[in-house]
Amino acid sequence: MPAHMRRQSIRQMKQEINNMIPNSNLMSVKFRVPAKKLEDIKNIIAALGGQIDEEDADDSVAWEEVLPDTQPGKILRGLRYRDGKSQKWLAEELGMKQPNVSAMEKGERPIGKSLAKKLGELFNVSYKVFL
C-alpha cells in the first residue's frame, strides 16, 4: 500500500476513534471492579479514547450508559491502534490473512476463545475483553 494511502487510513482511524468519545463530550463514570482486573479495564478505557481520573466525580453516571454494548472488534482495533500496529502485522502474528483481521474489527468475524487468548497475550490484556 502506498505511504499516502497508509497515512489516510491512519487519519481515518484516528478520526473514528476521536468520534467515538470526543474530548468535548467526555462523561465521568464511577463503578467498582475487582482489583485484579483494574489494569485491564484501564487499558480498555484508554484504547477507546477515554481518560482515567482517579477522583470522585459529582456528575458521574452508570457505566452501562457509557459502554452499553462492548464490541470486541472495536476493542481490538483500539488496542492495535494504541500499539501502532497494522492489520497486516496482526494477521502475521495470528497466522491468518489481513481481511480476517479486518472482519474481526468490523464485527463480521467472531473471536473465539483460543484466538482471544492469543490477542490477550499480544496486547497484554485479559483475553476476556474479546469475548
N, C-alpha and C. Protein backbone atom coordinates (compact mmCIF):
# COMPACT_ATOMS: atom_id res chain seq x y z
N MET A 1 0.85 -1.17 0.00
CA MET A 1 0.00 0.00 0.00
C MET A 1 0.90 1.24 0.00
N PRO A 2 0.63 2.22 -0.87
CA PRO A 2 1.44 3.43 -0.90
C PRO A 2 1.36 4.18 0.43
N ALA A 3 2.44 4.90 0.75
CA ALA A 3 2.52 5.59 2.04
C ALA A 3 1.38 6.59 2.23
N HIS A 4 1.02 7.32 1.16
CA HIS A 4 -0.05 8.32 1.32
C HIS A 4 -1.39 7.66 1.66
N MET A 5 -1.60 6.43 1.18
CA MET A 5 -2.84 5.73 1.50
C MET A 5 -2.81 5.23 2.94
N ARG A 6 -1.63 4.80 3.41
CA ARG A 6 -1.49 4.36 4.80
C ARG A 6 -1.77 5.52 5.74
N ARG A 7 -1.21 6.69 5.40
CA ARG A 7 -1.44 7.86 6.24
C ARG A 7 -2.92 8.21 6.27
N GLN A 8 -3.57 8.10 5.13
CA GLN A 8 -5.00 8.39 5.08
C GLN A 8 -5.76 7.41 5.96
N SER A 9 -5.40 6.14 5.90
CA SER A 9 -6.08 5.14 6.73
C SER A 9 -5.87 5.44 8.21
N ILE A 10 -4.66 5.83 8.59
CA ILE A 10 -4.37 6.16 9.98
C ILE A 10 -5.16 7.38 10.40
N ARG A 11 -5.22 8.40 9.51
CA ARG A 11 -6.00 9.59 9.82
C ARG A 11 -7.47 9.23 10.01
N GLN A 12 -7.99 8.38 9.13
CA GLN A 12 -9.38 7.98 9.25
C GLN A 12 -9.62 7.24 10.56
N MET A 13 -8.68 6.37 10.94
CA MET A 13 -8.82 5.61 12.17
C MET A 13 -8.79 6.56 13.37
N LYS A 14 -7.87 7.53 13.38
CA LYS A 14 -7.81 8.49 14.48
C LYS A 14 -9.13 9.24 14.60
N GLN A 15 -9.65 9.67 13.44
CA GLN A 15 -10.91 10.40 13.45
C GLN A 15 -12.04 9.54 13.99
N GLU A 16 -12.07 8.27 13.57
CA GLU A 16 -13.13 7.37 14.03
C GLU A 16 -13.04 7.18 15.54
N ILE A 17 -11.83 7.00 16.05
CA ILE A 17 -11.66 6.83 17.49
C ILE A 17 -12.04 8.11 18.22
N ASN A 18 -11.62 9.26 17.68
CA ASN A 18 -11.98 10.53 18.31
C ASN A 18 -13.48 10.75 18.28
N ASN A 19 -14.13 10.30 17.22
CA ASN A 19 -15.58 10.45 17.14
C ASN A 19 -16.30 9.56 18.14
N MET A 20 -15.68 8.45 18.50
CA MET A 20 -16.31 7.55 19.47
C MET A 20 -16.49 8.26 20.81
N ILE A 21 -15.45 8.96 21.26
CA ILE A 21 -15.51 9.67 22.53
C ILE A 21 -14.77 11.00 22.37
N PRO A 22 -15.40 11.99 21.75
CA PRO A 22 -14.71 13.27 21.57
C PRO A 22 -14.42 13.91 22.93
N ASN A 23 -13.26 14.61 23.04
CA ASN A 23 -12.85 15.20 24.31
C ASN A 23 -13.91 16.14 24.87
N SER A 24 -14.58 16.90 24.01
CA SER A 24 -15.58 17.83 24.49
C SER A 24 -16.84 17.11 24.97
N ASN A 25 -16.91 15.84 24.72
CA ASN A 25 -18.11 15.09 25.05
C ASN A 25 -17.82 13.97 26.05
N LEU A 26 -16.71 14.07 26.77
CA LEU A 26 -16.38 13.04 27.76
C LEU A 26 -17.34 13.12 28.93
N MET A 27 -17.68 11.98 29.46
CA MET A 27 -18.54 11.90 30.64
C MET A 27 -17.76 11.21 31.74
N SER A 28 -18.02 11.60 32.96
CA SER A 28 -17.40 10.93 34.10
C SER A 28 -18.28 9.76 34.52
N VAL A 29 -17.64 8.64 34.80
CA VAL A 29 -18.36 7.47 35.29
C VAL A 29 -17.64 6.93 36.51
N LYS A 30 -18.40 6.26 37.34
CA LYS A 30 -17.82 5.68 38.55
C LYS A 30 -18.41 4.30 38.72
N PHE A 31 -17.54 3.29 38.87
CA PHE A 31 -18.02 1.94 39.12
C PHE A 31 -16.95 1.16 39.84
N ARG A 32 -17.34 0.06 40.45
CA ARG A 32 -16.42 -0.77 41.20
C ARG A 32 -16.06 -1.99 40.37
N VAL A 33 -14.79 -2.36 40.44
CA VAL A 33 -14.29 -3.51 39.68
C VAL A 33 -13.38 -4.34 40.58
N PRO A 34 -13.21 -5.61 40.27
CA PRO A 34 -12.25 -6.42 41.04
C PRO A 34 -10.85 -5.82 40.90
N ALA A 35 -10.12 -5.76 41.99
CA ALA A 35 -8.79 -5.16 41.99
C ALA A 35 -7.88 -5.78 40.95
N LYS A 36 -7.97 -7.10 40.77
CA LYS A 36 -7.07 -7.76 39.82
C LYS A 36 -7.42 -7.44 38.37
N LYS A 37 -8.59 -6.86 38.11
CA LYS A 37 -9.00 -6.51 36.75
C LYS A 37 -8.81 -5.02 36.44
N LEU A 38 -8.39 -4.24 37.43
CA LEU A 38 -8.32 -2.80 37.26
C LEU A 38 -7.44 -2.38 36.08
N GLU A 39 -6.26 -2.96 35.96
CA GLU A 39 -5.36 -2.56 34.87
C GLU A 39 -5.95 -2.91 33.50
N ASP A 40 -6.60 -4.07 33.39
CA ASP A 40 -7.24 -4.44 32.12
C ASP A 40 -8.31 -3.42 31.75
N ILE A 41 -9.10 -3.02 32.73
CA ILE A 41 -10.18 -2.07 32.48
C ILE A 41 -9.61 -0.71 32.11
N LYS A 42 -8.56 -0.29 32.77
CA LYS A 42 -7.91 0.97 32.41
C LYS A 42 -7.38 0.92 30.99
N ASN A 43 -6.80 -0.21 30.59
CA ASN A 43 -6.30 -0.36 29.22
C ASN A 43 -7.42 -0.26 28.20
N ILE A 44 -8.55 -0.86 28.50
CA ILE A 44 -9.69 -0.81 27.59
C ILE A 44 -10.19 0.62 27.45
N ILE A 45 -10.33 1.31 28.57
CA ILE A 45 -10.81 2.69 28.53
C ILE A 45 -9.85 3.55 27.73
N ALA A 46 -8.56 3.39 27.95
CA ALA A 46 -7.57 4.17 27.20
C ALA A 46 -7.62 3.82 25.71
N ALA A 47 -7.79 2.55 25.39
CA ALA A 47 -7.85 2.13 23.99
C ALA A 47 -9.06 2.72 23.28
N LEU A 48 -10.13 2.97 24.02
CA LEU A 48 -11.33 3.55 23.43
C LEU A 48 -11.31 5.08 23.44
N GLY A 49 -10.20 5.67 23.88
CA GLY A 49 -10.07 7.12 23.85
C GLY A 49 -10.50 7.81 25.13
N GLY A 50 -10.77 7.06 26.17
CA GLY A 50 -11.19 7.66 27.44
C GLY A 50 -10.00 8.12 28.26
N GLN A 51 -10.29 8.83 29.31
CA GLN A 51 -9.25 9.30 30.23
C GLN A 51 -9.56 8.75 31.61
N ILE A 52 -8.52 8.37 32.33
CA ILE A 52 -8.68 7.83 33.68
C ILE A 52 -8.48 8.97 34.67
N ASP A 53 -9.46 9.18 35.52
CA ASP A 53 -9.39 10.19 36.57
C ASP A 53 -9.72 9.49 37.87
N GLU A 54 -8.78 9.41 38.76
CA GLU A 54 -8.97 8.65 40.00
C GLU A 54 -9.86 9.38 41.01
N GLU A 55 -10.18 10.66 40.77
CA GLU A 55 -11.00 11.41 41.71
C GLU A 55 -12.47 11.06 41.55
N ASP A 56 -13.22 11.25 42.63
CA ASP A 56 -14.67 11.05 42.57
C ASP A 56 -15.28 12.21 41.78
N ALA A 57 -16.25 11.89 40.96
CA ALA A 57 -16.92 12.92 40.17
C ALA A 57 -18.37 13.05 40.62
N ASP A 58 -18.82 14.29 40.80
CA ASP A 58 -20.20 14.53 41.23
C ASP A 58 -21.20 14.23 40.11
N ASP A 59 -20.78 14.40 38.88
CA ASP A 59 -21.69 14.23 37.74
C ASP A 59 -21.55 12.85 37.11
N SER A 60 -21.20 11.85 37.90
CA SER A 60 -20.98 10.51 37.35
C SER A 60 -22.30 9.85 36.96
N VAL A 61 -22.21 8.94 35.99
CA VAL A 61 -23.37 8.18 35.52
C VAL A 61 -23.01 6.70 35.52
N ALA A 62 -24.01 5.86 35.40
CA ALA A 62 -23.77 4.41 35.39
C ALA A 62 -22.93 4.03 34.18
N TRP A 63 -22.02 3.08 34.36
CA TRP A 63 -21.14 2.68 33.26
C TRP A 63 -21.93 2.12 32.10
N GLU A 64 -23.10 1.50 32.37
CA GLU A 64 -23.90 0.91 31.31
C GLU A 64 -24.37 1.96 30.30
N GLU A 65 -24.53 3.20 30.77
CA GLU A 65 -24.96 4.27 29.87
C GLU A 65 -23.84 4.67 28.91
N VAL A 66 -22.62 4.54 29.35
CA VAL A 66 -21.48 4.95 28.53
C VAL A 66 -21.00 3.82 27.64
N LEU A 67 -20.95 2.60 28.17
CA LEU A 67 -20.50 1.44 27.41
C LEU A 67 -21.60 0.38 27.38
N PRO A 68 -22.72 0.64 26.69
CA PRO A 68 -23.83 -0.29 26.73
C PRO A 68 -23.54 -1.64 26.10
N ASP A 69 -22.92 -1.66 24.96
CA ASP A 69 -22.62 -2.91 24.25
C ASP A 69 -21.15 -2.90 23.85
N THR A 70 -20.32 -3.48 24.68
CA THR A 70 -18.91 -3.54 24.35
C THR A 70 -18.73 -4.42 23.13
N GLN A 71 -18.03 -3.92 22.15
CA GLN A 71 -17.83 -4.65 20.91
C GLN A 71 -16.37 -5.08 20.82
N PRO A 72 -16.10 -6.38 20.85
CA PRO A 72 -14.73 -6.88 20.81
C PRO A 72 -13.93 -6.35 19.62
N GLY A 73 -14.57 -6.19 18.47
CA GLY A 73 -13.87 -5.68 17.29
C GLY A 73 -13.35 -4.28 17.49
N LYS A 74 -14.14 -3.43 18.14
CA LYS A 74 -13.70 -2.06 18.40
C LYS A 74 -12.57 -2.04 19.42
N ILE A 75 -12.66 -2.93 20.40
CA ILE A 75 -11.58 -3.03 21.38
C ILE A 75 -10.30 -3.48 20.69
N LEU A 76 -10.41 -4.48 19.82
CA LEU A 76 -9.25 -4.96 19.07
C LEU A 76 -8.63 -3.83 18.26
N ARG A 77 -9.46 -3.11 17.54
CA ARG A 77 -8.95 -2.01 16.71
C ARG A 77 -8.29 -0.94 17.58
N GLY A 78 -8.91 -0.62 18.70
CA GLY A 78 -8.34 0.39 19.59
C GLY A 78 -7.00 -0.04 20.16
N LEU A 79 -6.89 -1.30 20.57
CA LEU A 79 -5.62 -1.80 21.12
C LEU A 79 -4.54 -1.84 20.04
N ARG A 80 -4.93 -2.25 18.85
CA ARG A 80 -3.96 -2.30 17.74
C ARG A 80 -3.48 -0.89 17.43
N TYR A 81 -4.40 0.05 17.40
CA TYR A 81 -4.04 1.45 17.15
C TYR A 81 -3.15 1.99 18.27
N ARG A 82 -3.52 1.67 19.52
CA ARG A 82 -2.74 2.12 20.67
C ARG A 82 -1.28 1.70 20.56
N ASP A 83 -1.07 0.46 20.09
CA ASP A 83 0.28 -0.07 19.98
C ASP A 83 0.96 0.25 18.66
N GLY A 84 0.26 0.97 17.77
CA GLY A 84 0.85 1.37 16.50
C GLY A 84 1.08 0.20 15.55
N LYS A 85 0.23 -0.79 15.61
CA LYS A 85 0.39 -1.99 14.78
C LYS A 85 -0.61 -1.98 13.63
N SER A 86 -0.23 -2.58 12.53
CA SER A 86 -1.10 -2.67 11.35
C SER A 86 -1.91 -3.96 11.38
N GLN A 87 -2.95 -3.99 10.56
CA GLN A 87 -3.72 -5.23 10.42
C GLN A 87 -2.83 -6.31 9.83
N LYS A 88 -1.95 -5.92 8.92
CA LYS A 88 -1.05 -6.90 8.31
C LYS A 88 -0.16 -7.54 9.38
N TRP A 89 0.40 -6.72 10.25
CA TRP A 89 1.25 -7.23 11.33
C TRP A 89 0.47 -8.22 12.20
N LEU A 90 -0.74 -7.81 12.58
CA LEU A 90 -1.55 -8.66 13.45
C LEU A 90 -1.89 -9.97 12.76
N ALA A 91 -2.23 -9.89 11.48
CA ALA A 91 -2.55 -11.11 10.72
C ALA A 91 -1.36 -12.07 10.72
N GLU A 92 -0.16 -11.53 10.52
CA GLU A 92 1.04 -12.37 10.51
C GLU A 92 1.27 -13.00 11.88
N GLU A 93 1.06 -12.24 12.94
CA GLU A 93 1.24 -12.76 14.30
C GLU A 93 0.24 -13.88 14.61
N LEU A 94 -0.95 -13.76 14.04
CA LEU A 94 -2.01 -14.74 14.31
C LEU A 94 -2.04 -15.87 13.30
N GLY A 95 -1.23 -15.77 12.24
CA GLY A 95 -1.21 -16.81 11.21
C GLY A 95 -2.46 -16.82 10.35
N MET A 96 -2.94 -15.63 10.03
CA MET A 96 -4.13 -15.52 9.17
C MET A 96 -3.91 -14.40 8.16
N LYS A 97 -4.89 -14.19 7.32
CA LYS A 97 -4.79 -13.14 6.31
C LYS A 97 -5.40 -11.86 6.84
N GLN A 98 -4.92 -10.74 6.30
CA GLN A 98 -5.35 -9.42 6.75
C GLN A 98 -6.87 -9.21 6.66
N PRO A 99 -7.56 -9.69 5.61
CA PRO A 99 -9.01 -9.50 5.57
C PRO A 99 -9.75 -10.12 6.77
N ASN A 100 -9.18 -11.18 7.34
CA ASN A 100 -9.79 -11.78 8.53
C ASN A 100 -9.69 -10.84 9.73
N VAL A 101 -8.56 -10.15 9.85
CA VAL A 101 -8.40 -9.18 10.94
C VAL A 101 -9.41 -8.04 10.74
N SER A 102 -9.52 -7.57 9.52
CA SER A 102 -10.48 -6.51 9.21
C SER A 102 -11.90 -6.94 9.56
N ALA A 103 -12.25 -8.17 9.21
CA ALA A 103 -13.60 -8.68 9.51
C ALA A 103 -13.84 -8.76 11.02
N MET A 104 -12.81 -9.14 11.79
CA MET A 104 -12.96 -9.18 13.24
C MET A 104 -13.20 -7.78 13.79
N GLU A 105 -12.44 -6.81 13.30
CA GLU A 105 -12.58 -5.44 13.78
C GLU A 105 -13.95 -4.86 13.44
N LYS A 106 -14.52 -5.28 12.33
CA LYS A 106 -15.84 -4.79 11.92
C LYS A 106 -16.97 -5.57 12.58
N GLY A 107 -16.63 -6.62 13.31
CA GLY A 107 -17.65 -7.45 13.95
C GLY A 107 -18.28 -8.45 13.01
N GLU A 108 -17.66 -8.65 11.85
CA GLU A 108 -18.19 -9.59 10.85
C GLU A 108 -17.65 -11.00 11.05
N ARG A 109 -16.60 -11.15 11.86
CA ARG A 109 -16.00 -12.45 12.14
C ARG A 109 -15.86 -12.58 13.65
N PRO A 110 -16.41 -13.64 14.23
CA PRO A 110 -16.32 -13.79 15.68
C PRO A 110 -14.89 -14.08 16.14
N ILE A 111 -14.64 -13.74 17.39
CA ILE A 111 -13.34 -14.02 18.00
C ILE A 111 -13.57 -15.13 19.02
N GLY A 112 -13.07 -16.32 18.72
CA GLY A 112 -13.22 -17.46 19.62
C GLY A 112 -12.26 -17.37 20.79
N LYS A 113 -12.43 -18.28 21.74
CA LYS A 113 -11.63 -18.26 22.96
C LYS A 113 -10.14 -18.42 22.70
N SER A 114 -9.75 -19.36 21.83
CA SER A 114 -8.32 -19.57 21.59
C SER A 114 -7.70 -18.35 20.91
N LEU A 115 -8.42 -17.74 19.98
CA LEU A 115 -7.92 -16.54 19.31
C LEU A 115 -7.88 -15.37 20.30
N ALA A 116 -8.89 -15.28 21.16
CA ALA A 116 -8.91 -14.23 22.18
C ALA A 116 -7.70 -14.34 23.10
N LYS A 117 -7.30 -15.56 23.44
CA LYS A 117 -6.13 -15.75 24.30
C LYS A 117 -4.86 -15.26 23.60
N LYS A 118 -4.73 -15.53 22.31
CA LYS A 118 -3.57 -15.04 21.56
C LYS A 118 -3.57 -13.52 21.53
N LEU A 119 -4.74 -12.93 21.28
CA LEU A 119 -4.84 -11.47 21.25
C LEU A 119 -4.51 -10.87 22.61
N GLY A 120 -4.99 -11.50 23.68
CA GLY A 120 -4.69 -11.03 25.02
C GLY A 120 -3.20 -11.00 25.29
N GLU A 121 -2.50 -12.03 24.84
CA GLU A 121 -1.04 -12.07 25.02
C GLU A 121 -0.36 -10.99 24.19
N LEU A 122 -0.80 -10.82 22.95
CA LEU A 122 -0.18 -9.82 22.07
C LEU A 122 -0.34 -8.39 22.59
N PHE A 123 -1.52 -8.10 23.16
CA PHE A 123 -1.81 -6.74 23.59
C PHE A 123 -1.74 -6.56 25.11
N ASN A 124 -1.32 -7.61 25.81
CA ASN A 124 -1.12 -7.55 27.26
C ASN A 124 -2.40 -7.13 28.00
N VAL A 125 -3.52 -7.77 27.63
CA VAL A 125 -4.79 -7.55 28.30
C VAL A 125 -5.43 -8.92 28.55
N SER A 126 -6.46 -8.94 29.35
CA SER A 126 -7.19 -10.19 29.57
C SER A 126 -7.88 -10.61 28.28
N TYR A 127 -7.82 -11.89 27.97
CA TYR A 127 -8.46 -12.38 26.75
C TYR A 127 -9.97 -12.18 26.79
N LYS A 128 -10.52 -12.03 27.98
CA LYS A 128 -11.97 -11.93 28.14
C LYS A 128 -12.55 -10.67 27.53
N VAL A 129 -11.73 -9.64 27.30
CA VAL A 129 -12.25 -8.42 26.68
C VAL A 129 -12.66 -8.65 25.24
N PHE A 130 -12.19 -9.75 24.64
CA PHE A 130 -12.50 -10.04 23.24
C PHE A 130 -13.68 -10.99 23.08
N LEU A 131 -14.24 -11.46 24.18
CA LEU A 131 -15.34 -12.43 24.11
C LEU A 131 -16.69 -11.77 24.32
